[in-house]
Amino acid sequence: MIPSQMLKGTLEGCILAIISKNETYGYEISRQLEEYGFGSVAEGTIYPLLLRLEKNELVTAVYRQSELGPKRKYYSLTDKGITELRQFAENYRELSAAVERLFHDVEGDMR
């Protein structure tokens, strides 16, 4: 399981990535994160992030009727959200590469 402090800085970008695949709703985002190996991310963590993404105009939301119950709020990326996702991916790859270089360099010291 990924510690929540490590996850905190990347979850917003990962949620944008999931929404970029297709319009989706909060519970489905939680389920997809789990399928990708993020562990169980509580909906109580996801919904405040979705509200912030909406407030920052990175996503738009519409309510749609569900076959299984009450209406669901479906999210999709805005143009601003697409730009933010691209920037996140670039920054994350740069960070990931730096961490990999560091651990490769000290690999022998960790044994």
PDB file of N, CA and C in Angstrom:
ATOM      1  N   MET A   1       0.844  -1.193   0.000  1.00  0.00           N
ATOM      2  CA  MET A   1       0.000   0.000   0.000  1.00  0.00           C
ATOM      3  C   MET A   1       0.883   1.248   0.000  1.00  0.00           C
ATOM      4  N   ILE A   2       0.525   2.200  -0.823  1.00  0.00           N
ATOM      5  CA  ILE A   2       1.282   3.441  -0.940  1.00  0.00           C
ATOM      6  C   ILE A   2       0.899   4.356   0.233  1.00  0.00           C
ATOM      7  N   PRO A   3       1.886   4.843   1.001  1.00  0.00           N
ATOM      8  CA  PRO A   3       1.569   5.749   2.111  1.00  0.00           C
ATOM      9  C   PRO A   3       0.850   7.002   1.618  1.00  0.00           C
ATOM     10  N   SER A   4      -0.118   7.470   2.389  1.00  0.00           N
ATOM     11  CA  SER A   4      -0.949   8.596   1.954  1.00  0.00           C
ATOM     12  C   SER A   4      -0.136   9.868   1.736  1.00  0.00           C
ATOM     13  N   GLN A   5       0.921  10.079   2.513  1.00  0.00           N
ATOM     14  CA  GLN A   5       1.742  11.270   2.318  1.00  0.00           C
ATOM     15  C   GLN A   5       2.430  11.254   0.953  1.00  0.00           C
ATOM     16  N   MET A   6       2.868  10.078   0.506  1.00  0.00           N
ATOM     17  CA  MET A   6       3.485   9.970  -0.821  1.00  0.00           C
ATOM     18  C   MET A   6       2.441  10.184  -1.910  1.00  0.00           C
ATOM     19  N   LEU A   7       1.278   9.689  -1.679  1.00  0.00           N
ATOM     20  CA  LEU A   7       0.201   9.758  -2.659  1.00  0.00           C
ATOM     21  C   LEU A   7      -0.340  11.170  -2.818  1.00  0.00           C
ATOM     22  N   LYS A   8      -0.320  11.933  -1.737  1.00  0.00           N
ATOM     23  CA  LYS A   8      -0.946  13.250  -1.709  1.00  0.00           C
ATOM     24  C   LYS A   8      -0.518  14.149  -2.862  1.00  0.00           C
ATOM     25  N   GLY A   9       0.771  14.183  -3.163  1.00  0.00           N
ATOM     26  CA  GLY A   9       1.265  15.080  -4.193  1.00  0.00           C
ATOM     27  C   GLY A   9       0.952  14.650  -5.610  1.00  0.00           C
ATOM     28  N   THR A  10       0.566  13.405  -5.805  1.00  0.00           N
ATOM     29  CA  THR A  10       0.355  12.912  -7.166  1.00  0.00           C
ATOM     30  C   THR A  10      -1.102  12.582  -7.485  1.00  0.00           C
ATOM     31  N   LEU A  11      -1.921  12.489  -6.478  1.00  0.00           N
ATOM     32  CA  LEU A  11      -3.291  12.019  -6.684  1.00  0.00           C
ATOM     33  C   LEU A  11      -4.090  12.917  -7.617  1.00  0.00           C
ATOM     34  N   GLU A  12      -3.917  14.215  -7.482  1.00  0.00           N
ATOM     35  CA  GLU A  12      -4.668  15.147  -8.327  1.00  0.00           C
ATOM     36  C   GLU A  12      -4.363  14.899  -9.812  1.00  0.00           C
ATOM     37  N   GLY A  13      -3.083  14.767 -10.145  1.00  0.00           N
ATOM     38  CA  GLY A  13      -2.690  14.500 -11.526  1.00  0.00           C
ATOM     39  C   GLY A  13      -3.190  13.154 -12.013  1.00  0.00           C
ATOM     40  N   CYS A  14      -3.189  12.164 -11.112  1.00  0.00           N
ATOM     41  CA  CYS A  14      -3.670  10.830 -11.488  1.00  0.00           C
ATOM     42  C   CYS A  14      -5.180  10.842 -11.735  1.00  0.00           C
ATOM     43  N   ILE A  15      -5.889  11.624 -10.965  1.00  0.00           N
ATOM     44  CA  ILE A  15      -7.336  11.761 -11.185  1.00  0.00           C
ATOM     45  C   ILE A  15      -7.594  12.434 -12.532  1.00  0.00           C
ATOM     46  N   LEU A  16      -6.826  13.464 -12.850  1.00  0.00           N
ATOM     47  CA  LEU A  16      -6.958  14.095 -14.170  1.00  0.00           C
ATOM     48  C   LEU A  16      -6.709  13.076 -15.277  1.00  0.00           C
ATOM     49  N   ALA A  17      -5.709  12.217 -15.091  1.00  0.00           N
ATOM     50  CA  ALA A  17      -5.390  11.204 -16.106  1.00  0.00           C
ATOM     51  C   ALA A  17      -6.553  10.241 -16.300  1.00  0.00           C
ATOM     52  N   ILE A  18      -7.178   9.817 -15.202  1.00  0.00           N
ATOM     53  CA  ILE A  18      -8.318   8.897 -15.311  1.00  0.00           C
ATOM     54  C   ILE A  18      -9.483   9.579 -16.020  1.00  0.00           C
ATOM     55  N   ILE A  19      -9.748  10.820 -15.657  1.00  0.00           N
ATOM     56  CA  ILE A  19     -10.850  11.550 -16.295  1.00  0.00           C
ATOM     57  C   ILE A  19     -10.555  11.769 -17.776  1.00  0.00           C
ATOM     58  N   SER A  20      -9.276  11.894 -18.132  1.00  0.00           N
ATOM     59  CA  SER A  20      -8.935  12.139 -19.541  1.00  0.00           C
ATOM     60  C   SER A  20      -9.307  10.969 -20.440  1.00  0.00           C
ATOM     61  N   LYS A  21      -9.372   9.767 -19.864  1.00  0.00           N
ATOM     62  CA  LYS A  21      -9.711   8.585 -20.663  1.00  0.00           C
ATOM     63  C   LYS A  21     -11.163   8.627 -21.118  1.00  0.00           C
ATOM     64  N   ASN A  22     -12.051   9.022 -20.230  1.00  0.00           N
ATOM     65  CA  ASN A  22     -13.455   9.249 -20.570  1.00  0.00           C
ATOM     66  C   ASN A  22     -14.191   9.848 -19.382  1.00  0.00           C
ATOM     67  N   GLU A  23     -15.307  10.444 -19.654  1.00  0.00           N
ATOM     68  CA  GLU A  23     -16.122  11.060 -18.621  1.00  0.00           C
ATOM     69  C   GLU A  23     -16.449  10.012 -17.554  1.00  0.00           C
ATOM     70  N   THR A  24     -16.317  10.379 -16.292  1.00  0.00           N
ATOM     71  CA  THR A  24     -16.518   9.405 -15.226  1.00  0.00           C
ATOM     72  C   THR A  24     -16.974  10.090 -13.942  1.00  0.00           C
ATOM     73  N   TYR A  25     -17.299   9.307 -12.935  1.00  0.00           N
ATOM     74  CA  TYR A  25     -17.803   9.827 -11.664  1.00  0.00           C
ATOM     75  C   TYR A  25     -16.917   9.348 -10.514  1.00  0.00           C
ATOM     76  N   GLY A  26     -17.111   9.934  -9.337  1.00  0.00           N
ATOM     77  CA  GLY A  26     -16.228   9.735  -8.196  1.00  0.00           C
ATOM     78  C   GLY A  26     -15.960   8.296  -7.813  1.00  0.00           C
ATOM     79  N   TYR A  27     -17.002   7.496  -7.647  1.00  0.00           N
ATOM     80  CA  TYR A  27     -16.790   6.105  -7.237  1.00  0.00           C
ATOM     81  C   TYR A  27     -15.983   5.342  -8.279  1.00  0.00           C
ATOM     82  N   GLU A  28     -16.256   5.591  -9.543  1.00  0.00           N
ATOM     83  CA  GLU A  28     -15.534   4.919 -10.622  1.00  0.00           C
ATOM     84  C   GLU A  28     -14.056   5.322 -10.621  1.00  0.00           C
ATOM     85  N   ILE A  29     -13.772   6.579 -10.311  1.00  0.00           N
ATOM     86  CA  ILE A  29     -12.380   7.037 -10.212  1.00  0.00           C
ATOM     87  C   ILE A  29     -11.674   6.270  -9.101  1.00  0.00           C
ATOM     88  N   SER A  30     -12.331   6.137  -7.966  1.00  0.00           N
ATOM     89  CA  SER A  30     -11.776   5.385  -6.834  1.00  0.00           C
ATOM     90  C   SER A  30     -11.480   3.943  -7.233  1.00  0.00           C
ATOM     91  N   ARG A  31     -12.404   3.333  -7.930  1.00  0.00           N
ATOM     92  CA  ARG A  31     -12.245   1.945  -8.370  1.00  0.00           C
ATOM     93  C   ARG A  31     -11.088   1.806  -9.359  1.00  0.00           C
ATOM     94  N   GLN A  32     -10.980   2.741 -10.283  1.00  0.00           N
ATOM     95  CA  GLN A  32      -9.894   2.679 -11.265  1.00  0.00           C
ATOM     96  C   GLN A  32      -8.531   2.880 -10.607  1.00  0.00           C
ATOM     97  N   LEU A  33      -8.448   3.790  -9.647  1.00  0.00           N
ATOM     98  CA  LEU A  33      -7.196   3.977  -8.920  1.00  0.00           C
ATOM     99  C   LEU A  33      -6.774   2.674  -8.254  1.00  0.00           C
ATOM    100  N   GLU A  34      -7.729   1.985  -7.668  1.00  0.00           N
ATOM    101  CA  GLU A  34      -7.431   0.707  -7.023  1.00  0.00           C
ATOM    102  C   GLU A  34      -6.942  -0.316  -8.048  1.00  0.00           C
ATOM    103  N   GLU A  35      -7.579  -0.359  -9.203  1.00  0.00           N
ATOM    104  CA  GLU A  35      -7.170  -1.293 -10.262  1.00  0.00           C
ATOM    105  C   GLU A  35      -5.751  -1.016 -10.754  1.00  0.00           C
ATOM    106  N   TYR A  36      -5.341   0.253 -10.736  1.00  0.00           N
ATOM    107  CA  TYR A  36      -3.996   0.609 -11.169  1.00  0.00           C
ATOM    108  C   TYR A  36      -2.951   0.384 -10.075  1.00  0.00           C
ATOM    109  N   GLY A  37      -3.391  -0.040  -8.890  1.00  0.00           N
ATOM    110  CA  GLY A  37      -2.447  -0.371  -7.834  1.00  0.00           C
ATOM    111  C   GLY A  37      -2.239   0.697  -6.781  1.00  0.00           C
ATOM    112  N   PHE A  38      -3.110   1.690  -6.729  1.00  0.00           N
ATOM    113  CA  PHE A  38      -2.989   2.741  -5.730  1.00  0.00           C
ATOM    114  C   PHE A  38      -3.535   2.330  -4.369  1.00  0.00           C
ATOM    115  N   GLY A  39      -4.106   1.155  -4.291  1.00  0.00           N
ATOM    116  CA  GLY A  39      -4.743   0.728  -3.051  1.00  0.00           C
ATOM    117  C   GLY A  39      -6.124   1.342  -2.946  1.00  0.00           C
ATOM    118  N   SER A  40      -6.699   1.224  -1.797  1.00  0.00           N
ATOM    119  CA  SER A  40      -8.041   1.751  -1.579  1.00  0.00           C
ATOM    120  C   SER A  40      -7.960   3.234  -1.227  1.00  0.00           C
ATOM    121  N   VAL A  41      -8.371   4.087  -2.165  1.00  0.00           N
ATOM    122  CA  VAL A  41      -8.394   5.528  -1.932  1.00  0.00           C
ATOM    123  C   VAL A  41      -9.831   5.890  -1.608  1.00  0.00           C
ATOM    124  N   ALA A  42     -10.045   6.375  -0.407  1.00  0.00           N
ATOM    125  CA  ALA A  42     -11.398   6.670   0.075  1.00  0.00           C
ATOM    126  C   ALA A  42     -12.066   7.741  -0.780  1.00  0.00           C
ATOM    127  N   GLU A  43     -13.357   7.577  -0.967  1.00  0.00           N
ATOM    128  CA  GLU A  43     -14.116   8.589  -1.693  1.00  0.00           C
ATOM    129  C   GLU A  43     -14.037   9.932  -0.963  1.00  0.00           C
ATOM    130  N   GLY A  44     -13.876   9.888   0.351  1.00  0.00           N
ATOM    131  CA  GLY A  44     -13.715  11.111   1.135  1.00  0.00           C
ATOM    132  C   GLY A  44     -12.437  11.856   0.809  1.00  0.00           C
ATOM    133  N   THR A  45     -11.505  11.189   0.176  1.00  0.00           N
ATOM    134  CA  THR A  45     -10.281  11.829  -0.314  1.00  0.00           C
ATOM    135  C   THR A  45     -10.504  12.343  -1.727  1.00  0.00           C
ATOM    136  N   ILE A  46     -11.220  11.581  -2.518  1.00  0.00           N
ATOM    137  CA  ILE A  46     -11.397  11.910  -3.935  1.00  0.00           C
ATOM    138  C   ILE A  46     -12.335  13.099  -4.144  1.00  0.00           C
ATOM    139  N   TYR A  47     -13.459  13.129  -3.435  1.00  0.00           N
ATOM    140  CA  TYR A  47     -14.443  14.183  -3.697  1.00  0.00           C
ATOM    141  C   TYR A  47     -13.923  15.597  -3.414  1.00  0.00           C
ATOM    142  N   PRO A  48     -13.174  15.833  -2.328  1.00  0.00           N
ATOM    143  CA  PRO A  48     -12.615  17.187  -2.162  1.00  0.00           C
ATOM    144  C   PRO A  48     -11.651  17.569  -3.291  1.00  0.00           C
ATOM    145  N   LEU A  49     -10.890  16.596  -3.784  1.00  0.00           N
ATOM    146  CA  LEU A  49     -10.002  16.869  -4.918  1.00  0.00           C
ATOM    147  C   LEU A  49     -10.802  17.215  -6.170  1.00  0.00           C
ATOM    148  N   LEU A  50     -11.883  16.475  -6.401  1.00  0.00           N
ATOM    149  CA  LEU A  50     -12.737  16.766  -7.561  1.00  0.00           C
ATOM    150  C   LEU A  50     -13.343  18.166  -7.460  1.00  0.00           C
ATOM    151  N   LEU A  51     -13.751  18.555  -6.262  1.00  0.00           N
ATOM    152  CA  LEU A  51     -14.298  19.906  -6.068  1.00  0.00           C
ATOM    153  C   LEU A  51     -13.243  20.970  -6.363  1.00  0.00           C
ATOM    154  N   ARG A  52     -12.009  20.721  -5.911  1.00  0.00           N
ATOM    155  CA  ARG A  52     -10.926  21.671  -6.172  1.00  0.00           C
ATOM    156  C   ARG A  52     -10.622  21.741  -7.670  1.00  0.00           C
ATOM    157  N   LEU A  53     -10.596  20.588  -8.336  1.00  0.00           N
ATOM    158  CA  LEU A  53     -10.360  20.576  -9.781  1.00  0.00           C
ATOM    159  C   LEU A  53     -11.447  21.340 -10.520  1.00  0.00           C
ATOM    160  N   GLU A  54     -12.675  21.188 -10.055  1.00  0.00           N
ATOM    161  CA  GLU A  54     -13.796  21.907 -10.669  1.00  0.00           C
ATOM    162  C   GLU A  54     -13.674  23.412 -10.407  1.00  0.00           C
ATOM    163  N   LYS A  55     -13.356  23.776  -9.173  1.00  0.00           N
ATOM    164  CA  LYS A  55     -13.202  25.191  -8.804  1.00  0.00           C
ATOM    165  C   LYS A  55     -12.087  25.843  -9.615  1.00  0.00           C
ATOM    166  N   ASN A  56     -11.010  25.090  -9.874  1.00  0.00           N
ATOM    167  CA  ASN A  56      -9.880  25.613 -10.643  1.00  0.00           C
ATOM    168  C   ASN A  56     -10.077  25.494 -12.148  1.00  0.00           C
ATOM    169  N   GLU A  57     -11.281  25.088 -12.546  1.00  0.00           N
ATOM    170  CA  GLU A  57     -11.688  25.002 -13.950  1.00  0.00           C
ATOM    171  C   GLU A  57     -10.858  24.003 -14.754  1.00  0.00           C
ATOM    172  N   LEU A  58     -10.393  22.945 -14.078  1.00  0.00           N
ATOM    173  CA  LEU A  58      -9.659  21.884 -14.754  1.00  0.00           C
ATOM    174  C   LEU A  58     -10.600  20.782 -15.224  1.00  0.00           C
ATOM    175  N   VAL A  59     -11.757  20.684 -14.569  1.00  0.00           N
ATOM    176  CA  VAL A  59     -12.801  19.736 -14.970  1.00  0.00           C
ATOM    177  C   VAL A  59     -14.147  20.443 -14.962  1.00  0.00           C
ATOM    178  N   THR A  60     -15.074  19.902 -15.733  1.00  0.00           N
ATOM    179  CA  THR A  60     -16.468  20.331 -15.656  1.00  0.00           C
ATOM    180  C   THR A  60     -17.268  19.132 -15.170  1.00  0.00           C
ATOM    181  N   ALA A  61     -18.421  19.416 -14.618  1.00  0.00           N
ATOM    182  CA  ALA A  61     -19.246  18.339 -14.077  1.00  0.00           C
ATOM    183  C   ALA A  61     -20.696  18.527 -14.498  1.00  0.00           C
ATOM    184  N   VAL A  62     -21.343  17.411 -14.800  1.00  0.00           N
ATOM    185  CA  VAL A  62     -22.773  17.408 -15.112  1.00  0.00           C
ATOM    186  C   VAL A  62     -23.420  16.246 -14.370  1.00  0.00           C
ATOM    187  N   TYR A  63     -24.643  16.459 -13.947  1.00  0.00           N
ATOM    188  CA  TYR A  63     -25.395  15.388 -13.292  1.00  0.00           C
ATOM    189  C   TYR A  63     -26.124  14.578 -14.351  1.00  0.00           C
ATOM    190  N   ARG A  64     -26.052  13.262 -14.210  1.00  0.00           N
ATOM    191  CA  ARG A  64     -26.743  12.351 -15.123  1.00  0.00           C
ATOM    192  C   ARG A  64     -27.475  11.305 -14.305  1.00  0.00           C
ATOM    193  N   GLN A  65     -28.600  10.879 -14.820  1.00  0.00           N
ATOM    194  CA  GLN A  65     -29.374   9.827 -14.169  1.00  0.00           C
ATOM    195  C   GLN A  65     -28.612   8.508 -14.232  1.00  0.00           C
ATOM    196  N   SER A  66     -28.698   7.744 -13.170  1.00  0.00           N
ATOM    197  CA  SER A  66     -28.075   6.424 -13.102  1.00  0.00           C
ATOM    198  C   SER A  66     -29.161   5.360 -13.147  1.00  0.00           C
ATOM    199  N   GLU A  67     -28.850   4.233 -13.799  1.00  0.00           N
ATOM    200  CA  GLU A  67     -29.812   3.127 -13.831  1.00  0.00           C
ATOM    201  C   GLU A  67     -29.957   2.493 -12.449  1.00  0.00           C
ATOM    202  N   LEU A  68     -28.963   2.681 -11.602  1.00  0.00           N
ATOM    203  CA  LEU A  68     -28.914   1.986 -10.318  1.00  0.00           C
ATOM    204  C   LEU A  68     -29.325   2.838  -9.125  1.00  0.00           C
ATOM    205  N   GLY A  69     -29.709   4.077  -9.321  1.00  0.00           N
ATOM    206  CA  GLY A  69     -30.073   4.890  -8.172  1.00  0.00           C
ATOM    207  C   GLY A  69     -30.123   6.359  -8.509  1.00  0.00           C
ATOM    208  N   PRO A  70     -29.656   7.188  -7.567  1.00  0.00           N
ATOM    209  CA  PRO A  70     -29.745   8.640  -7.763  1.00  0.00           C
ATOM    210  C   PRO A  70     -28.804   9.130  -8.860  1.00  0.00           C
ATOM    211  N   LYS A  71     -28.978  10.379  -9.235  1.00  0.00           N
ATOM    212  CA  LYS A  71     -28.122  10.983 -10.255  1.00  0.00           C
ATOM    213  C   LYS A  71     -26.670  10.952  -9.797  1.00  0.00           C
ATOM    214  N   ARG A  72     -25.775  10.872 -10.782  1.00  0.00           N
ATOM    215  CA  ARG A  72     -24.336  10.892 -10.522  1.00  0.00           C
ATOM    216  C   ARG A  72     -23.734  12.130 -11.171  1.00  0.00           C
ATOM    217  N   LYS A  73     -22.676  12.622 -10.547  1.00  0.00           N
ATOM    218  CA  LYS A  73     -21.962  13.774 -11.081  1.00  0.00           C
ATOM    219  C   LYS A  73     -20.798  13.246 -11.920  1.00  0.00           C
ATOM    220  N   TYR A  74     -20.867  13.466 -13.215  1.00  0.00           N
ATOM    221  CA  TYR A  74     -19.842  12.997 -14.149  1.00  0.00           C
ATOM    222  C   TYR A  74     -18.875  14.141 -14.467  1.00  0.00           C
ATOM    223  N   TYR A  75     -17.593  13.801 -14.478  1.00  0.00           N
ATOM    224  CA  TYR A  75     -16.539  14.784 -14.691  1.00  0.00           C
ATOM    225  C   TYR A  75     -15.856  14.572 -16.028  1.00  0.00           C
ATOM    226  N   SER A  76     -15.477  15.673 -16.672  1.00  0.00           N
ATOM    227  CA  SER A  76     -14.674  15.622 -17.887  1.00  0.00           C
ATOM    228  C   SER A  76     -13.663  16.765 -17.837  1.00  0.00           C
ATOM    229  N   LEU A  77     -12.563  16.608 -18.580  1.00  0.00           N
ATOM    230  CA  LEU A  77     -11.504  17.614 -18.573  1.00  0.00           C
ATOM    231  C   LEU A  77     -11.866  18.810 -19.432  1.00  0.00           C
ATOM    232  N   THR A  78     -11.438  19.961 -18.988  1.00  0.00           N
ATOM    233  CA  THR A  78     -11.515  21.172 -19.795  1.00  0.00           C
ATOM    234  C   THR A  78     -10.196  21.301 -20.559  1.00  0.00           C
ATOM    235  N   ASP A  79     -10.112  22.275 -21.443  1.00  0.00           N
ATOM    236  CA  ASP A  79      -8.839  22.530 -22.128  1.00  0.00           C
ATOM    237  C   ASP A  79      -7.752  22.860 -21.111  1.00  0.00           C
ATOM    238  N   LYS A  80      -8.123  23.626 -20.102  1.00  0.00           N
ATOM    239  CA  LYS A  80      -7.171  23.969 -19.034  1.00  0.00           C
ATOM    240  C   LYS A  80      -6.727  22.704 -18.293  1.00  0.00           C
ATOM    241  N   GLY A  81      -7.643  21.767 -18.103  1.00  0.00           N
ATOM    242  CA  GLY A  81      -7.324  20.505 -17.443  1.00  0.00           C
ATOM    243  C   GLY A  81      -6.374  19.653 -18.275  1.00  0.00           C
ATOM    244  N   ILE A  82      -6.550  19.661 -19.581  1.00  0.00           N
ATOM    245  CA  ILE A  82      -5.657  18.913 -20.473  1.00  0.00           C
ATOM    246  C   ILE A  82      -4.247  19.483 -20.386  1.00  0.00           C
ATOM    247  N   THR A  83      -4.148  20.808 -20.404  1.00  0.00           N
ATOM    248  CA  THR A  83      -2.842  21.460 -20.272  1.00  0.00           C
ATOM    249  C   THR A  83      -2.201  21.109 -18.932  1.00  0.00           C
ATOM    250  N   GLU A  84      -2.981  21.149 -17.872  1.00  0.00           N
ATOM    251  CA  GLU A  84      -2.479  20.817 -16.531  1.00  0.00           C
ATOM    252  C   GLU A  84      -2.008  19.364 -16.467  1.00  0.00           C
ATOM    253  N   LEU A  85      -2.751  18.457 -17.085  1.00  0.00           N
ATOM    254  CA  LEU A  85      -2.371  17.044 -17.100  1.00  0.00           C
ATOM    255  C   LEU A  85      -1.051  16.853 -17.847  1.00  0.00           C
ATOM    256  N   ARG A  86      -0.895  17.513 -18.966  1.00  0.00           N
ATOM    257  CA  ARG A  86       0.368  17.413 -19.720  1.00  0.00           C
ATOM    258  C   ARG A  86       1.544  17.908 -18.868  1.00  0.00           C
ATOM    259  N   GLN A  87       1.347  19.023 -18.178  1.00  0.00           N
ATOM    260  CA  GLN A  87       2.395  19.591 -17.334  1.00  0.00           C
ATOM    261  C   GLN A  87       2.702  18.651 -16.168  1.00  0.00           C
ATOM    262  N   PHE A  88       1.662  18.078 -15.563  1.00  0.00           N
ATOM    263  CA  PHE A  88       1.859  17.122 -14.474  1.00  0.00           C
ATOM    264  C   PHE A  88       2.671  15.921 -14.949  1.00  0.00           C
ATOM    265  N   ALA A  89       2.326  15.377 -16.109  1.00  0.00           N
ATOM    266  CA  ALA A  89       3.024  14.205 -16.639  1.00  0.00           C
ATOM    267  C   ALA A  89       4.498  14.525 -16.874  1.00  0.00           C
ATOM    268  N   GLU A  90       4.774  15.687 -17.433  1.00  0.00           N
ATOM    269  CA  GLU A  90       6.158  16.088 -17.672  1.00  0.00           C
ATOM    270  C   GLU A  90       6.919  16.234 -16.352  1.00  0.00           C
ATOM    271  N   ASN A  91       6.326  16.912 -15.394  1.00  0.00           N
ATOM    272  CA  ASN A  91       6.969  17.108 -14.096  1.00  0.00           C
ATOM    273  C   ASN A  91       7.165  15.782 -13.362  1.00  0.00           C
ATOM    274  N   TYR A  92       6.165  14.915 -13.430  1.00  0.00           N
ATOM    275  CA  TYR A  92       6.259  13.631 -12.735  1.00  0.00           C
ATOM    276  C   TYR A  92       7.373  12.768 -13.336  1.00  0.00           C
ATOM    277  N   ARG A  93       7.459  12.739 -14.648  1.00  0.00           N
ATOM    278  CA  ARG A  93       8.515  11.950 -15.297  1.00  0.00           C
ATOM    279  C   ARG A  93       9.905  12.467 -14.913  1.00  0.00           C
ATOM    280  N   GLU A  94      10.037  13.785 -14.850  1.00  0.00           N
ATOM    281  CA  GLU A  94      11.316  14.385 -14.451  1.00  0.00           C
ATOM    282  C   GLU A  94      11.658  14.002 -13.005  1.00  0.00           C
ATOM    283  N   LEU A  95      10.688  14.093 -12.115  1.00  0.00           N
ATOM    284  CA  LEU A  95      10.899  13.717 -10.713  1.00  0.00           C
ATOM    285  C   LEU A  95      11.219  12.234 -10.593  1.00  0.00           C
ATOM    286  N   SER A  96      10.462  11.411 -11.272  1.00  0.00           N
ATOM    287  CA  SER A  96      10.656   9.966 -11.224  1.00  0.00           C
ATOM    288  C   SER A  96      12.051   9.581 -11.713  1.00  0.00           C
ATOM    289  N   ALA A  97      12.503  10.210 -12.787  1.00  0.00           N
ATOM    290  CA  ALA A  97      13.834   9.923 -13.325  1.00  0.00           C
ATOM    291  C   ALA A  97      14.915  10.334 -12.328  1.00  0.00           C
ATOM    292  N   ALA A  98      14.741  11.472 -11.657  1.00  0.00           N
ATOM    293  CA  ALA A  98      15.720  11.931 -10.677  1.00  0.00           C
ATOM    294  C   ALA A  98      15.789  10.970  -9.492  1.00  0.00           C
ATOM    295  N   VAL A  99      14.653  10.526  -9.025  1.00  0.00           N
ATOM    296  CA  VAL A  99      14.619   9.572  -7.906  1.00  0.00           C
ATOM    297  C   VAL A  99      15.267   8.257  -8.323  1.00  0.00           C
ATOM    298  N   GLU A 100      14.976   7.777  -9.519  1.00  0.00           N
ATOM    299  CA  GLU A 100      15.585   6.544 -10.019  1.00  0.00           C
ATOM    300  C   GLU A 100      17.105   6.665 -10.096  1.00  0.00           C
ATOM    301  N   ARG A 101      17.593   7.806 -10.600  1.00  0.00           N
ATOM    302  CA  ARG A 101      19.045   8.014 -10.675  1.00  0.00           C
ATOM    303  C   ARG A 101      19.656   7.976  -9.284  1.00  0.00           C
ATOM    304  N   LEU A 102      19.024   8.644  -8.345  1.00  0.00           N
ATOM    305  CA  LEU A 102      19.529   8.675  -6.974  1.00  0.00           C
ATOM    306  C   LEU A 102      19.587   7.281  -6.378  1.00  0.00           C
ATOM    307  N   PHE A 103      18.497   6.522  -6.461  1.00  0.00           N
ATOM    308  CA  PHE A 103      18.476   5.181  -5.870  1.00  0.00           C
ATOM    309  C   PHE A 103      19.418   4.228  -6.599  1.00  0.00           C
ATOM    310  N   HIS A 104      19.575   4.407  -7.879  1.00  0.00           N
ATOM    311  CA  HIS A 104      20.539   3.582  -8.613  1.00  0.00           C
ATOM    312  C   HIS A 104      21.946   3.850  -8.101  1.00  0.00           C
ATOM    313  N   ASP A 105      22.246   5.128  -7.855  1.00  0.00           N
ATOM    314  CA  ASP A 105      23.565   5.533  -7.402  1.00  0.00           C
ATOM    315  C   ASP A 105      23.876   5.034  -5.982  1.00  0.00           C
ATOM    316  N   VAL A 106      22.872   4.960  -5.123  1.00  0.00           N
ATOM    317  CA  VAL A 106      23.111   4.542  -3.737  1.00  0.00           C
ATOM    318  C   VAL A 106      22.665   3.111  -3.468  1.00  0.00           C
ATOM    319  N   GLU A 107      22.322   2.399  -4.509  1.00  0.00           N
ATOM    320  CA  GLU A 107      21.791   1.042  -4.372  1.00  0.00           C
ATOM    321  C   GLU A 107      22.672   0.161  -3.503  1.00  0.00           C
ATOM    322  N   GLY A 108      23.965   0.198  -3.711  1.00  0.00           N
ATOM    323  CA  GLY A 108      24.877  -0.638  -2.931  1.00  0.00           C
ATOM    324  C   GLY A 108      24.897  -0.254  -1.460  1.00  0.00           C
ATOM    325  N   ASP A 109      24.722   1.024  -1.154  1.00  0.00           N
ATOM    326  CA  ASP A 109      24.734   1.484   0.244  1.00  0.00           C
ATOM    327  C   ASP A 109      23.503   1.037   1.015  1.00  0.00           C
ATOM    328  N   MET A 110      22.446   0.703   0.309  1.00  0.00           N
ATOM    329  CA  MET A 110      21.194   0.335   0.982  1.00  0.00           C
ATOM    330  C   MET A 110      21.158  -1.123   1.396  1.00  0.00           C
ATOM    331  N   ARG A 111      22.136  -1.908   0.976  1.00  0.00           N
ATOM    332  CA  ARG A 111      22.135  -3.339   1.289  1.00  0.00           C
ATOM    333  C   ARG A 111      22.780  -3.629   2.576  1.00  0.00           C
TER     334      ARG A 111
END
